[in-house]
Amino acid sequence: MVLLNRKDWVEMFKMRAGLDEKTAEKVASAMEGGIKDGLSVVHRVNIPGVGQLHRRFRKGRQQYVGSVGRFCEVEDSYRYSFKASSGMKRVAEQADSGSRA
């Protein structure tokens, strides 16, 4: 698994787009801000060629906890999920089949 953190995104923008450090930082900030704003307003962000990020609201409730033998309050929360685009799935399948050969 490869985990891309902010520093990795900046380096990728510098290398692939030929940007300087400051411009690559601005691009990473713009991308991050756009995703955050989209999730806070419409609860779904579509990133072409990559997939969709979803944010779903879950209402608070009571839940029985067996270890303490009583019901506990669970606060309202959000669940996040990601669904890869079909193009991204094909790329992953090709990479997977190449690694098995």
N, C-alpha and C. Protein backbone atom coordinates (compact mmCIF):
# COMPACT_ATOMS: atom_id res chain seq x y z
N MET A 1 0.84 -1.17 0.00
CA MET A 1 0.00 0.00 0.00
C MET A 1 0.89 1.24 0.00
N VAL A 2 0.47 2.22 -0.74
CA VAL A 2 1.18 3.50 -0.78
C VAL A 2 0.28 4.55 -0.16
N LEU A 3 0.78 5.24 0.83
CA LEU A 3 0.04 6.31 1.47
C LEU A 3 0.61 7.63 0.99
N LEU A 4 -0.22 8.43 0.34
CA LEU A 4 0.24 9.72 -0.15
C LEU A 4 -0.17 10.80 0.85
N ASN A 5 0.81 11.37 1.53
CA ASN A 5 0.51 12.47 2.42
C ASN A 5 0.72 13.79 1.68
N ARG A 6 0.52 14.88 2.35
CA ARG A 6 0.61 16.20 1.70
C ARG A 6 1.98 16.42 1.05
N LYS A 7 3.02 16.04 1.73
CA LYS A 7 4.38 16.23 1.19
C LYS A 7 4.56 15.44 -0.11
N ASP A 8 4.00 14.22 -0.16
CA ASP A 8 4.07 13.41 -1.38
C ASP A 8 3.33 14.08 -2.54
N TRP A 9 2.16 14.66 -2.25
CA TRP A 9 1.40 15.35 -3.30
C TRP A 9 2.21 16.53 -3.85
N VAL A 10 2.82 17.30 -2.94
CA VAL A 10 3.61 18.45 -3.37
C VAL A 10 4.77 17.99 -4.26
N GLU A 11 5.46 16.94 -3.84
CA GLU A 11 6.57 16.41 -4.64
C GLU A 11 6.08 15.91 -6.01
N MET A 12 4.93 15.28 -6.04
CA MET A 12 4.39 14.77 -7.29
C MET A 12 4.04 15.93 -8.23
N PHE A 13 3.42 16.99 -7.68
CA PHE A 13 3.10 18.15 -8.50
C PHE A 13 4.36 18.81 -9.05
N LYS A 14 5.40 18.87 -8.22
CA LYS A 14 6.66 19.46 -8.67
C LYS A 14 7.27 18.64 -9.81
N MET A 15 7.30 17.34 -9.63
CA MET A 15 7.96 16.47 -10.59
C MET A 15 7.16 16.34 -11.89
N ARG A 16 5.87 16.06 -11.79
CA ARG A 16 5.07 15.77 -12.98
C ARG A 16 4.64 17.02 -13.74
N ALA A 17 4.42 18.13 -13.03
CA ALA A 17 3.96 19.34 -13.70
C ALA A 17 5.06 20.38 -13.83
N GLY A 18 6.24 20.09 -13.31
CA GLY A 18 7.35 21.02 -13.41
C GLY A 18 7.14 22.30 -12.62
N LEU A 19 6.46 22.20 -11.48
CA LEU A 19 6.18 23.38 -10.66
C LEU A 19 7.28 23.60 -9.63
N ASP A 20 7.43 24.86 -9.22
CA ASP A 20 8.37 25.13 -8.13
C ASP A 20 7.68 24.82 -6.80
N GLU A 21 8.43 24.81 -5.72
CA GLU A 21 7.92 24.41 -4.40
C GLU A 21 6.70 25.22 -3.97
N LYS A 22 6.79 26.54 -4.11
CA LYS A 22 5.72 27.43 -3.66
C LYS A 22 4.43 27.19 -4.44
N THR A 23 4.54 27.05 -5.76
CA THR A 23 3.36 26.81 -6.60
C THR A 23 2.77 25.43 -6.31
N ALA A 24 3.61 24.44 -6.12
CA ALA A 24 3.13 23.09 -5.81
C ALA A 24 2.39 23.09 -4.48
N GLU A 25 2.87 23.85 -3.49
CA GLU A 25 2.19 23.97 -2.21
C GLU A 25 0.81 24.60 -2.39
N LYS A 26 0.73 25.64 -3.23
CA LYS A 26 -0.55 26.29 -3.49
C LYS A 26 -1.53 25.33 -4.16
N VAL A 27 -1.05 24.53 -5.10
CA VAL A 27 -1.90 23.56 -5.78
C VAL A 27 -2.42 22.53 -4.77
N ALA A 28 -1.55 22.03 -3.90
CA ALA A 28 -1.96 21.05 -2.90
C ALA A 28 -2.99 21.66 -1.94
N SER A 29 -2.77 22.91 -1.55
CA SER A 29 -3.73 23.58 -0.66
C SER A 29 -5.08 23.79 -1.34
N ALA A 30 -5.04 24.16 -2.61
CA ALA A 30 -6.28 24.36 -3.37
C ALA A 30 -7.04 23.05 -3.50
N MET A 31 -6.34 21.97 -3.79
CA MET A 31 -6.97 20.66 -3.92
C MET A 31 -7.60 20.24 -2.59
N GLU A 32 -6.83 20.37 -1.51
CA GLU A 32 -7.33 20.00 -0.18
C GLU A 32 -8.54 20.85 0.21
N GLY A 33 -8.45 22.15 -0.03
CA GLY A 33 -9.56 23.05 0.30
C GLY A 33 -10.81 22.75 -0.50
N GLY A 34 -10.64 22.43 -1.78
CA GLY A 34 -11.77 22.09 -2.62
C GLY A 34 -12.48 20.83 -2.15
N ILE A 35 -11.71 19.85 -1.76
CA ILE A 35 -12.29 18.59 -1.27
C ILE A 35 -13.03 18.84 0.04
N LYS A 36 -12.41 19.57 0.97
CA LYS A 36 -13.06 19.86 2.26
C LYS A 36 -14.34 20.66 2.06
N ASP A 37 -14.28 21.70 1.22
CA ASP A 37 -15.47 22.52 0.98
C ASP A 37 -16.58 21.70 0.34
N GLY A 38 -16.21 20.86 -0.62
CA GLY A 38 -17.21 20.03 -1.28
C GLY A 38 -17.90 19.08 -0.32
N LEU A 39 -17.12 18.45 0.55
CA LEU A 39 -17.71 17.51 1.51
C LEU A 39 -18.58 18.22 2.54
N SER A 40 -18.23 19.44 2.90
CA SER A 40 -19.03 20.15 3.91
C SER A 40 -20.32 20.70 3.33
N VAL A 41 -20.38 20.93 2.02
CA VAL A 41 -21.56 21.51 1.40
C VAL A 41 -22.47 20.45 0.78
N VAL A 42 -21.92 19.60 -0.07
CA VAL A 42 -22.77 18.66 -0.80
C VAL A 42 -22.57 17.21 -0.39
N HIS A 43 -21.66 16.95 0.50
CA HIS A 43 -21.42 15.60 1.03
C HIS A 43 -20.92 14.60 0.00
N ARG A 44 -20.53 15.07 -1.18
CA ARG A 44 -19.98 14.17 -2.19
C ARG A 44 -19.05 14.96 -3.09
N VAL A 45 -17.84 14.45 -3.27
CA VAL A 45 -16.87 15.10 -4.15
C VAL A 45 -16.45 14.08 -5.19
N ASN A 46 -16.59 14.46 -6.47
CA ASN A 46 -16.17 13.59 -7.56
C ASN A 46 -14.83 14.10 -8.08
N ILE A 47 -13.83 13.24 -8.05
CA ILE A 47 -12.51 13.58 -8.57
C ILE A 47 -12.35 12.78 -9.87
N PRO A 48 -12.46 13.45 -11.02
CA PRO A 48 -12.43 12.74 -12.30
C PRO A 48 -11.18 11.87 -12.44
N GLY A 49 -11.41 10.62 -12.85
CA GLY A 49 -10.32 9.69 -13.05
C GLY A 49 -9.86 8.99 -11.78
N VAL A 50 -10.34 9.44 -10.63
CA VAL A 50 -9.94 8.85 -9.36
C VAL A 50 -11.12 8.18 -8.67
N GLY A 51 -12.17 8.93 -8.42
CA GLY A 51 -13.35 8.36 -7.78
C GLY A 51 -14.14 9.39 -7.02
N GLN A 52 -15.01 8.92 -6.13
CA GLN A 52 -15.88 9.79 -5.35
C GLN A 52 -15.65 9.60 -3.86
N LEU A 53 -15.59 10.74 -3.16
CA LEU A 53 -15.56 10.73 -1.70
C LEU A 53 -16.96 11.07 -1.21
N HIS A 54 -17.46 10.33 -0.23
CA HIS A 54 -18.79 10.55 0.32
C HIS A 54 -18.69 10.85 1.81
N ARG A 55 -19.60 11.68 2.26
CA ARG A 55 -19.74 11.96 3.70
C ARG A 55 -21.20 11.77 4.04
N ARG A 56 -21.48 10.84 4.95
CA ARG A 56 -22.86 10.53 5.32
C ARG A 56 -23.07 10.82 6.81
N PHE A 57 -24.21 11.44 7.10
CA PHE A 57 -24.57 11.78 8.47
C PHE A 57 -25.18 10.56 9.16
N ARG A 58 -24.81 10.36 10.39
CA ARG A 58 -25.40 9.28 11.19
C ARG A 58 -25.94 9.90 12.48
N LYS A 59 -27.24 9.79 12.66
CA LYS A 59 -27.90 10.38 13.81
C LYS A 59 -27.49 9.69 15.10
N GLY A 60 -27.44 10.46 16.19
CA GLY A 60 -27.11 9.91 17.49
C GLY A 60 -28.13 8.87 17.92
N ARG A 61 -27.72 7.99 18.80
CA ARG A 61 -28.61 6.90 19.21
C ARG A 61 -28.12 6.33 20.54
N GLN A 62 -28.89 5.38 21.06
CA GLN A 62 -28.45 4.63 22.22
C GLN A 62 -27.99 3.27 21.74
N GLN A 63 -26.92 2.78 22.32
CA GLN A 63 -26.38 1.48 21.92
C GLN A 63 -26.03 0.69 23.18
N TYR A 64 -26.41 -0.56 23.17
CA TYR A 64 -26.12 -1.42 24.32
C TYR A 64 -24.66 -1.86 24.25
N VAL A 65 -23.95 -1.68 25.37
CA VAL A 65 -22.55 -2.08 25.47
C VAL A 65 -22.49 -3.21 26.49
N GLY A 66 -22.25 -4.42 25.99
CA GLY A 66 -22.28 -5.60 26.84
C GLY A 66 -21.23 -5.61 27.92
N SER A 67 -20.07 -5.04 27.65
CA SER A 67 -18.98 -5.07 28.63
C SER A 67 -19.30 -4.27 29.89
N VAL A 68 -20.14 -3.23 29.75
CA VAL A 68 -20.53 -2.44 30.92
C VAL A 68 -21.97 -2.77 31.35
N GLY A 69 -22.69 -3.53 30.54
CA GLY A 69 -24.03 -3.98 30.88
C GLY A 69 -25.09 -2.91 30.88
N ARG A 70 -24.94 -1.90 30.04
CA ARG A 70 -25.96 -0.84 29.96
C ARG A 70 -25.94 -0.17 28.60
N PHE A 71 -26.94 0.69 28.39
CA PHE A 71 -27.01 1.47 27.16
C PHE A 71 -26.17 2.73 27.31
N CYS A 72 -25.49 3.10 26.25
CA CYS A 72 -24.69 4.32 26.24
C CYS A 72 -25.17 5.20 25.09
N GLU A 73 -25.02 6.51 25.28
CA GLU A 73 -25.38 7.46 24.23
C GLU A 73 -24.26 7.55 23.20
N VAL A 74 -24.62 7.47 21.94
CA VAL A 74 -23.67 7.65 20.84
C VAL A 74 -24.05 8.96 20.16
N GLU A 75 -23.10 9.87 20.04
CA GLU A 75 -23.37 11.19 19.46
C GLU A 75 -23.56 11.13 17.95
N ASP A 76 -24.16 12.20 17.41
CA ASP A 76 -24.25 12.34 15.95
C ASP A 76 -22.84 12.27 15.38
N SER A 77 -22.71 11.70 14.20
CA SER A 77 -21.38 11.62 13.60
C SER A 77 -21.51 11.55 12.08
N TYR A 78 -20.37 11.57 11.42
CA TYR A 78 -20.32 11.42 9.97
C TYR A 78 -19.49 10.20 9.64
N ARG A 79 -19.89 9.50 8.59
CA ARG A 79 -19.13 8.37 8.06
C ARG A 79 -18.58 8.79 6.71
N TYR A 80 -17.35 8.42 6.45
CA TYR A 80 -16.70 8.76 5.19
C TYR A 80 -16.41 7.49 4.41
N SER A 81 -16.58 7.58 3.09
CA SER A 81 -16.28 6.43 2.25
C SER A 81 -15.72 6.91 0.92
N PHE A 82 -15.11 6.01 0.20
CA PHE A 82 -14.52 6.31 -1.11
C PHE A 82 -14.91 5.22 -2.08
N LYS A 83 -15.30 5.62 -3.28
CA LYS A 83 -15.62 4.67 -4.34
C LYS A 83 -14.73 5.01 -5.54
N ALA A 84 -13.87 4.07 -5.91
CA ALA A 84 -12.94 4.29 -7.01
C ALA A 84 -13.68 4.34 -8.35
N SER A 85 -13.20 5.15 -9.28
CA SER A 85 -13.79 5.20 -10.62
C SER A 85 -13.44 3.92 -11.36
N SER A 86 -14.19 3.64 -12.43
CA SER A 86 -13.92 2.42 -13.20
C SER A 86 -12.52 2.47 -13.82
N GLY A 87 -12.08 3.65 -14.25
CA GLY A 87 -10.73 3.79 -14.80
C GLY A 87 -9.66 3.48 -13.78
N MET A 88 -9.86 3.93 -12.54
CA MET A 88 -8.90 3.67 -11.47
C MET A 88 -8.89 2.18 -11.13
N LYS A 89 -10.07 1.55 -11.17
CA LYS A 89 -10.14 0.11 -10.90
C LYS A 89 -9.36 -0.67 -11.96
N ARG A 90 -9.48 -0.26 -13.23
CA ARG A 90 -8.73 -0.93 -14.31
C ARG A 90 -7.24 -0.79 -14.10
N VAL A 91 -6.79 0.39 -13.73
CA VAL A 91 -5.36 0.62 -13.48
C VAL A 91 -4.88 -0.28 -12.34
N ALA A 92 -5.68 -0.38 -11.27
CA ALA A 92 -5.31 -1.23 -10.14
C ALA A 92 -5.28 -2.70 -10.55
N GLU A 93 -6.24 -3.12 -11.37
CA GLU A 93 -6.27 -4.53 -11.81
C GLU A 93 -5.06 -4.84 -12.69
N GLN A 94 -4.68 -3.91 -13.56
CA GLN A 94 -3.51 -4.11 -14.42
C GLN A 94 -2.25 -4.20 -13.58
N ALA A 95 -2.14 -3.34 -12.57
CA ALA A 95 -0.97 -3.37 -11.70
C ALA A 95 -0.93 -4.66 -10.91
N ASP A 96 -2.09 -5.14 -10.49
CA ASP A 96 -2.19 -6.38 -9.73
C ASP A 96 -1.82 -7.57 -10.58
N SER A 97 -2.33 -7.63 -11.81
CA SER A 97 -2.02 -8.78 -12.67
C SER A 97 -0.54 -8.76 -13.10
N GLY A 98 0.05 -7.58 -13.22
CA GLY A 98 1.46 -7.49 -13.56
C GLY A 98 2.36 -7.96 -12.44
N SER A 99 1.93 -7.76 -11.19
CA SER A 99 2.76 -8.17 -10.06
C SER A 99 2.72 -9.67 -9.82
N ARG A 100 1.70 -10.36 -10.35
CA ARG A 100 1.58 -11.80 -10.16
C ARG A 100 2.33 -12.58 -11.23
N ALA A 101 2.64 -11.92 -12.33
CA ALA A 101 3.29 -12.62 -13.45
C ALA A 101 4.70 -13.01 -13.14
